[in-house]
Protein backbone atom coordinates (compact mmCIF):
# COMPACT_ATOMS: atom_id res chain seq x y z
CA UNK A 1 -4.25 30.38 4.88
CA UNK A 2 -4.86 27.01 6.54
CA UNK A 3 -2.10 24.43 6.57
CA UNK A 4 -2.98 20.99 5.24
CA UNK A 5 -3.38 18.25 7.84
CA UNK A 6 -1.47 15.34 6.31
CA UNK A 7 -1.23 11.94 7.97
CA UNK A 8 2.02 9.97 7.69
CA UNK A 9 1.39 6.50 6.26
CA UNK A 10 3.72 3.58 5.54
CA UNK A 11 2.99 1.14 2.73
CA UNK A 12 4.54 -2.12 1.50
CA UNK A 13 5.22 -3.26 -2.04
CA UNK A 14 4.87 -6.97 -1.25
CA UNK A 15 6.36 -9.11 -4.02
CA UNK A 16 6.50 -12.90 -4.12
CA UNK A 17 9.00 -15.13 -5.94
CA UNK A 18 6.87 -14.97 -9.12
CA UNK A 19 6.96 -11.12 -9.06
CA UNK A 20 3.29 -10.92 -8.13
CA UNK A 21 2.33 -7.90 -6.04
CA UNK A 22 -0.12 -8.00 -3.14
CA UNK A 23 -2.82 -5.32 -3.28
CA UNK A 24 -5.82 -4.38 -1.18
CA UNK A 25 -9.06 -2.95 -2.53
CA UNK A 26 -10.70 0.09 -0.98
CA UNK A 27 -14.33 0.86 -1.77
CA UNK A 28 -15.19 4.47 -0.99
CA UNK A 29 -18.72 4.28 -2.42
CA UNK A 30 -18.10 6.65 -5.31
CA UNK A 31 -14.84 4.97 -6.33
CA UNK A 32 -12.88 1.75 -5.95
CA UNK A 33 -9.09 1.87 -5.65
CA UNK A 34 -6.51 -0.91 -5.48
CA UNK A 35 -3.45 0.00 -3.39
CA UNK A 36 -0.52 -1.55 -1.60
CA UNK A 37 -1.17 -2.63 2.00
CA UNK A 38 -0.22 -0.29 4.81
CA UNK A 39 -1.58 2.55 6.83
CA UNK A 40 -1.02 5.38 9.23
CA UNK A 41 1.64 5.48 11.91
CA UNK A 42 0.19 5.09 15.41
CA UNK A 43 1.61 6.11 18.79
CA UNK A 44 5.24 6.84 17.88
CA UNK A 45 5.66 3.66 15.84
CA UNK A 46 8.65 3.31 13.55
CA UNK A 47 8.05 2.70 9.85
CA UNK A 48 8.87 -1.00 10.36
CA UNK A 49 6.52 -1.35 13.34
CA UNK A 50 3.73 0.26 11.34
CA UNK A 51 4.26 -2.13 8.42
CA UNK A 52 4.45 -5.18 10.66
CA UNK A 53 1.13 -4.24 12.27
CA UNK A 54 -0.56 -3.32 8.99
CA UNK A 55 0.63 -6.39 7.05
CA UNK A 56 -0.59 -8.65 9.85
CA UNK A 57 -3.96 -6.87 10.05
CA UNK A 58 -4.60 -6.63 6.30
CA UNK A 59 -2.92 -9.76 4.92
CA UNK A 60 -1.89 -12.04 7.79
CA UNK A 61 1.80 -11.65 6.88
CA UNK A 62 3.98 -12.06 9.98
CA UNK A 63 7.45 -13.14 8.91
CA UNK A 64 9.28 -10.88 6.49
CA UNK A 65 12.40 -8.82 6.11
CA UNK A 66 11.80 -5.16 5.47
CA UNK A 67 13.50 -3.97 2.30
CA UNK A 68 14.48 -0.44 1.34
CA UNK A 69 12.37 2.67 1.00
CA UNK A 70 11.82 3.06 -2.76
CA UNK A 71 8.88 5.43 -3.33
CA UNK A 72 7.29 8.44 -1.67
CA UNK A 73 3.92 10.03 -2.36
CA UNK A 74 1.91 12.97 -1.10
CA UNK A 75 -1.77 12.70 -1.83
CA UNK A 76 -4.46 15.23 -0.89
CA UNK A 77 -7.93 13.77 -0.31
CA UNK A 78 -10.50 13.89 2.50
CA UNK A 79 -9.63 11.19 5.03
CA UNK A 80 -11.20 9.92 8.25
CA UNK A 81 -14.35 12.05 8.00
CA UNK A 82 -12.50 15.34 7.69
CA UNK A 83 -9.81 14.61 10.28
CA UNK A 84 -7.09 14.66 7.60
CA UNK A 85 -6.67 16.44 4.27
CA UNK A 86 -4.55 13.62 2.83
CA UNK A 87 -1.38 11.75 3.56
CA UNK A 88 2.32 11.52 3.01
CA UNK A 89 3.28 7.93 2.17
CA UNK A 90 6.55 6.04 2.28
CA UNK A 91 6.76 2.75 0.34
CA UNK A 92 9.09 -0.11 1.28
CA UNK A 93 9.81 -3.30 -0.66
CA UNK A 94 8.90 -6.54 1.10
CA UNK A 95 9.96 -9.81 -0.56
CA UNK A 96 8.15 -12.94 0.62
CA UNK A 97 7.31 -16.44 -0.51
CA UNK A 98 3.78 -16.73 -1.86
CA UNK A 99 1.13 -17.12 0.82
CA UNK A 100 -2.65 -17.06 1.03
CA UNK A 101 -3.65 -13.62 2.35
CA UNK A 102 -5.65 -14.13 5.54
CA UNK A 103 -6.19 -10.83 7.35
CA UNK A 104 -5.94 -10.88 11.13
CA UNK A 105 -8.71 -8.30 11.40
CA UNK A 106 -12.24 -9.43 10.60
CA UNK A 107 -13.78 -8.36 7.31
CA UNK A 108 -16.24 -6.29 9.31
CA UNK A 109 -13.34 -4.37 10.89
CA UNK A 110 -11.59 -3.99 7.53
CA UNK A 111 -14.78 -2.75 5.82
CA UNK A 112 -15.01 0.01 8.44
CA UNK A 113 -11.74 1.29 6.92
CA UNK A 114 -13.08 0.83 3.39
CA UNK A 115 -11.04 -2.31 2.66
CA UNK A 116 -13.05 -4.97 0.82
CA UNK A 117 -10.52 -7.40 -0.71
CA UNK A 118 -6.89 -8.48 -0.78
CA UNK A 119 -5.21 -10.49 -3.52
CA UNK A 120 -2.09 -11.10 -5.58
CA UNK A 121 -1.73 -9.48 -9.01
CA UNK A 122 0.56 -10.59 -11.84
CA UNK A 123 2.27 -7.75 -13.70
CA UNK A 124 0.32 -8.45 -16.90
CA UNK A 125 -2.94 -8.27 -14.92
CA UNK A 126 -1.93 -4.89 -13.48
CA UNK A 127 -1.12 -3.53 -16.90
CA UNK A 128 -4.36 -4.83 -18.47
CA UNK A 129 -6.68 -3.81 -15.65
CA UNK A 130 -9.24 -1.08 -16.17
CA UNK A 131 -9.30 -0.02 -12.55
CA UNK A 132 -7.88 2.80 -10.46
CA UNK A 133 -4.62 2.15 -8.64
CA UNK A 134 -2.93 4.18 -5.95
CA UNK A 135 -0.54 5.49 -7.00
CA UNK A 136 -2.15 5.80 -10.45
CA UNK A 137 0.98 4.61 -12.27
CA UNK A 138 1.40 1.55 -10.02
CA UNK A 139 1.72 -0.92 -12.96
CA UNK A 140 4.60 1.11 -14.44
CA UNK A 141 6.29 1.50 -11.05
CA UNK A 142 6.06 -2.22 -10.28
CA UNK A 143 7.40 -3.14 -13.74
CA UNK A 144 10.35 -0.81 -13.15
CA UNK A 145 11.12 -2.48 -9.79
CA UNK A 146 10.91 -5.96 -11.30
CA UNK A 147 12.91 -5.26 -14.47
CA UNK A 148 15.32 -2.50 -13.44
CA UNK A 149 15.73 -3.24 -9.73
CA UNK A 150 15.71 -0.88 -6.78
CA UNK A 151 16.19 2.84 -7.38
CA UNK A 152 19.33 4.39 -5.88
CA UNK A 153 17.14 6.78 -3.89
CA UNK A 154 13.38 6.95 -3.28
CA UNK A 155 11.37 8.27 -6.22
CA UNK A 156 8.15 10.28 -6.17
CA UNK A 157 5.41 7.82 -7.10
CA UNK A 158 3.04 10.63 -8.08
CA UNK A 159 -0.65 10.80 -7.39
């Protein structure tokens, strides 16, 4: 039996002072998914180094304090043209003042990774949207963070 090749990825739940959450859109041709910014660990990076690189590349966010690890997720799906069978994700809270997302990478570079948009979402927009989120229950998870606060230990965010 073959063992799954799972990439380790770090993601950020970026919330502004109005409790809006920053999401990025991935277009995989057959499906569109909105997810939190982040990505795979490179070259022995720490979780924080990965998030600092990814948030700069995908949103232009440089100055922030990394909050706690609140969610985990293991998701199996073909990734990087068969290089990976999925990924294990760790989600950290990042609180920041509102800002205009301006990715450091060009849109051509981002599109090569499937990313086609970045924007803020209000909680009511998340809950009313007829789109696919990753994790699927993202609106419920964000509402829980906003209304109930941080979990005492990381929770499984599900698929």
